Amino acid sequence: MAAKKSAAVPRPVKKTEYEIKFATTDAQKGWRDLVATIRNPMAEAWDFLTRTPMTMTPTNYRLKGDLGTVHRNGASHERWQHKPTAKGTARIWFYVHEHTVFLEQVHTSHPNETK
């Protein structure tokens, strides 16, 4: 079977990298919207999340309090927040299970829960 000429080639993940998956359809929509508006920072966010998603930085950290835990499929996970740009208002909420980063919420502007 011949491939479509316009089909995108997915970036292969190195064995040492994390795989990224959408945990919700809303996260998928938010990701698409952010890529459309801030493409270069989102490419850098992809690189960061596949390589070092649980590294504490000024733009990547665990959420606190009630927001600090997400429950999925009967398990609890630490919820992290990643800011694609240092001064922007976009936020990516994610959790890590085994060697996969699950994008749970992708906000195009600062979420009210953390204001």
C-alpha atoms as a PDB file:
ATOM      1  CA  MET A   1       0.000   0.000   0.000  1.00  0.00           C
ATOM      2  CA  ALA A   2       1.393   3.395  -0.938  1.00  0.00           C
ATOM      3  CA  ALA A   3       1.647   6.119   1.689  1.00  0.00           C
ATOM      4  CA  LYS A   4      -0.037   9.455   1.233  1.00  0.00           C
ATOM      5  CA  LYS A   5       2.411  12.089   0.046  1.00  0.00           C
ATOM      6  CA  SER A   6       1.166  14.593   2.598  1.00  0.00           C
ATOM      7  CA  ALA A   7       1.197  12.240   5.593  1.00  0.00           C
ATOM      8  CA  ALA A   8       3.276  13.647   8.452  1.00  0.00           C
ATOM      9  CA  VAL A   9       6.257  11.621   9.598  1.00  0.00           C
ATOM     10  CA  PRO A  10       6.084  11.192  13.389  1.00  0.00           C
ATOM     11  CA  ARG A  11       9.272  11.926  15.298  1.00  0.00           C
ATOM     12  CA  PRO A  12      10.732   8.664  16.609  1.00  0.00           C
ATOM     13  CA  VAL A  13      11.296   8.505  20.351  1.00  0.00           C
ATOM     14  CA  LYS A  14      14.731   7.499  21.582  1.00  0.00           C
ATOM     15  CA  LYS A  15      14.876   4.637  24.070  1.00  0.00           C
ATOM     16  CA  THR A  16      15.931   7.098  26.775  1.00  0.00           C
ATOM     17  CA  GLU A  17      13.046   9.486  26.049  1.00  0.00           C
ATOM     18  CA  TYR A  18       9.496   9.569  27.330  1.00  0.00           C
ATOM     19  CA  GLU A  19       6.580   9.051  24.991  1.00  0.00           C
ATOM     20  CA  ILE A  20       3.896  11.761  25.000  1.00  0.00           C
ATOM     21  CA  LYS A  21       0.192  10.880  24.825  1.00  0.00           C
ATOM     22  CA  PHE A  22      -3.015  12.837  25.239  1.00  0.00           C
ATOM     23  CA  ALA A  23      -5.010  11.879  28.322  1.00  0.00           C
ATOM     24  CA  THR A  24      -8.065  13.839  27.133  1.00  0.00           C
ATOM     25  CA  THR A  25      -9.527  15.161  23.911  1.00  0.00           C
ATOM     26  CA  ASP A  26      -9.519  18.665  25.437  1.00  0.00           C
ATOM     27  CA  ALA A  27      -5.743  18.392  25.904  1.00  0.00           C
ATOM     28  CA  GLN A  28      -5.398  17.394  22.255  1.00  0.00           C
ATOM     29  CA  LYS A  29      -7.399  20.453  21.159  1.00  0.00           C
ATOM     30  CA  GLY A  30      -5.433  22.775  23.451  1.00  0.00           C
ATOM     31  CA  TRP A  31      -2.133  21.382  22.156  1.00  0.00           C
ATOM     32  CA  ARG A  32      -3.238  21.926  18.554  1.00  0.00           C
ATOM     33  CA  ASP A  33      -4.299  25.508  19.369  1.00  0.00           C
ATOM     34  CA  LEU A  34      -0.969  26.292  21.057  1.00  0.00           C
ATOM     35  CA  VAL A  35       1.054  24.800  18.208  1.00  0.00           C
ATOM     36  CA  ALA A  36      -0.888  27.055  15.838  1.00  0.00           C
ATOM     37  CA  THR A  37      -0.028  30.169  17.864  1.00  0.00           C
ATOM     38  CA  ILE A  38       3.387  29.485  19.481  1.00  0.00           C
ATOM     39  CA  ARG A  39       4.965  26.782  17.331  1.00  0.00           C
ATOM     40  CA  ASN A  40       8.631  27.184  18.331  1.00  0.00           C
ATOM     41  CA  PRO A  41       8.009  27.190  22.105  1.00  0.00           C
ATOM     42  CA  MET A  42       5.778  24.134  21.675  1.00  0.00           C
ATOM     43  CA  ALA A  43       8.552  22.294  19.825  1.00  0.00           C
ATOM     44  CA  GLU A  44      10.838  23.138  22.762  1.00  0.00           C
ATOM     45  CA  ALA A  45       8.139  21.973  25.198  1.00  0.00           C
ATOM     46  CA  TRP A  46       7.965  18.666  23.286  1.00  0.00           C
ATOM     47  CA  ASP A  47      11.735  18.242  23.596  1.00  0.00           C
ATOM     48  CA  PHE A  48      11.669  19.047  27.316  1.00  0.00           C
ATOM     49  CA  LEU A  49       8.748  16.718  28.060  1.00  0.00           C
ATOM     50  CA  THR A  50      10.249  13.801  26.146  1.00  0.00           C
ATOM     51  CA  ARG A  51      13.651  14.188  27.811  1.00  0.00           C
ATOM     52  CA  THR A  52      13.237  15.535  31.350  1.00  0.00           C
ATOM     53  CA  PRO A  53       9.547  15.915  32.283  1.00  0.00           C
ATOM     54  CA  MET A  54      10.115  15.682  36.046  1.00  0.00           C
ATOM     55  CA  THR A  55      12.943  18.199  36.280  1.00  0.00           C
ATOM     56  CA  MET A  56      12.062  21.161  38.491  1.00  0.00           C
ATOM     57  CA  THR A  57      12.663  24.485  36.717  1.00  0.00           C
ATOM     58  CA  PRO A  58      11.039  27.922  36.892  1.00  0.00           C
ATOM     59  CA  THR A  59       8.774  26.814  34.015  1.00  0.00           C
ATOM     60  CA  ASN A  60       8.228  23.161  35.025  1.00  0.00           C
ATOM     61  CA  TYR A  61       7.094  22.136  38.488  1.00  0.00           C
ATOM     62  CA  ARG A  62       4.618  20.081  40.513  1.00  0.00           C
ATOM     63  CA  LEU A  63       1.289  21.655  41.290  1.00  0.00           C
ATOM     64  CA  LYS A  64       0.391  21.978  44.974  1.00  0.00           C
ATOM     65  CA  GLY A  65      -2.598  21.235  47.181  1.00  0.00           C
ATOM     66  CA  ASP A  66      -5.683  19.658  45.668  1.00  0.00           C
ATOM     67  CA  LEU A  67      -4.339  20.312  42.177  1.00  0.00           C
ATOM     68  CA  GLY A  68      -1.145  18.370  42.911  1.00  0.00           C
ATOM     69  CA  THR A  69      -2.687  14.943  42.351  1.00  0.00           C
ATOM     70  CA  VAL A  70      -4.598  13.476  39.431  1.00  0.00           C
ATOM     71  CA  HIS A  71      -6.471  10.166  39.615  1.00  0.00           C
ATOM     72  CA  ARG A  72      -6.552   7.972  36.505  1.00  0.00           C
ATOM     73  CA  ASN A  73      -7.584   4.345  36.130  1.00  0.00           C
ATOM     74  CA  GLY A  74      -7.595   3.750  39.879  1.00  0.00           C
ATOM     75  CA  ALA A  75      -4.103   5.197  40.436  1.00  0.00           C
ATOM     76  CA  SER A  76      -2.896   8.544  41.778  1.00  0.00           C
ATOM     77  CA  HIS A  77      -0.191  10.519  39.980  1.00  0.00           C
ATOM     78  CA  GLU A  78       1.640  13.762  40.700  1.00  0.00           C
ATOM     79  CA  ARG A  79       0.328  16.544  38.485  1.00  0.00           C
ATOM     80  CA  TRP A  80       2.949  18.802  36.924  1.00  0.00           C
ATOM     81  CA  GLN A  81       2.669  22.138  35.154  1.00  0.00           C
ATOM     82  CA  HIS A  82       4.824  23.202  32.234  1.00  0.00           C
ATOM     83  CA  LYS A  83       4.891  26.759  30.884  1.00  0.00           C
ATOM     84  CA  PRO A  84       5.851  26.759  27.190  1.00  0.00           C
ATOM     85  CA  THR A  85       7.099  30.350  27.549  1.00  0.00           C
ATOM     86  CA  ALA A  86       8.471  32.062  30.653  1.00  0.00           C
ATOM     87  CA  LYS A  87       6.289  35.161  30.290  1.00  0.00           C
ATOM     88  CA  GLY A  88       3.257  33.711  28.504  1.00  0.00           C
ATOM     89  CA  THR A  89       0.037  32.489  30.094  1.00  0.00           C
ATOM     90  CA  ALA A  90      -0.247  29.064  28.393  1.00  0.00           C
ATOM     91  CA  ARG A  91       0.025  26.049  30.696  1.00  0.00           C
ATOM     92  CA  ILE A  92       0.381  22.302  30.130  1.00  0.00           C
ATOM     93  CA  TRP A  93      -0.789  20.039  32.964  1.00  0.00           C
ATOM     94  CA  PHE A  94       0.563  16.522  32.796  1.00  0.00           C
ATOM     95  CA  TYR A  95       1.416  13.423  34.760  1.00  0.00           C
ATOM     96  CA  VAL A  96       3.957  10.699  34.186  1.00  0.00           C
ATOM     97  CA  HIS A  97       3.228   6.993  34.338  1.00  0.00           C
ATOM     98  CA  GLU A  98       6.127   4.642  33.725  1.00  0.00           C
ATOM     99  CA  HIS A  99       7.840   6.043  30.626  1.00  0.00           C
ATOM    100  CA  THR A 100       4.895   8.026  29.264  1.00  0.00           C
ATOM    101  CA  VAL A 101       3.962  11.683  29.749  1.00  0.00           C
ATOM    102  CA  PHE A 102       0.186  12.075  29.664  1.00  0.00           C
ATOM    103  CA  LEU A 103      -1.024  15.551  28.710  1.00  0.00           C
ATOM    104  CA  GLU A 104      -4.085  15.989  30.855  1.00  0.00           C
ATOM    105  CA  GLN A 105      -4.940  19.652  30.281  1.00  0.00           C
ATOM    106  CA  VAL A 106      -3.460  22.145  27.850  1.00  0.00           C
ATOM    107  CA  HIS A 107      -4.522  25.716  28.575  1.00  0.00           C
ATOM    108  CA  THR A 108      -4.065  28.465  26.007  1.00  0.00           C
ATOM    109  CA  SER A 109      -4.262  31.001  28.855  1.00  0.00           C
ATOM    110  CA  HIS A 110      -3.646  30.925  32.601  1.00  0.00           C
ATOM    111  CA  PRO A 111      -6.129  28.464  34.189  1.00  0.00           C
ATOM    112  CA  ASN A 112      -8.395  29.990  36.817  1.00  0.00           C
ATOM    113  CA  GLU A 113      -7.588  27.205  39.281  1.00  0.00           C
ATOM    114  CA  THR A 114      -4.021  28.490  39.735  1.00  0.00           C
ATOM    115  CA  LYS A 115      -4.661  32.252  39.732  1.00  0.00           C
END
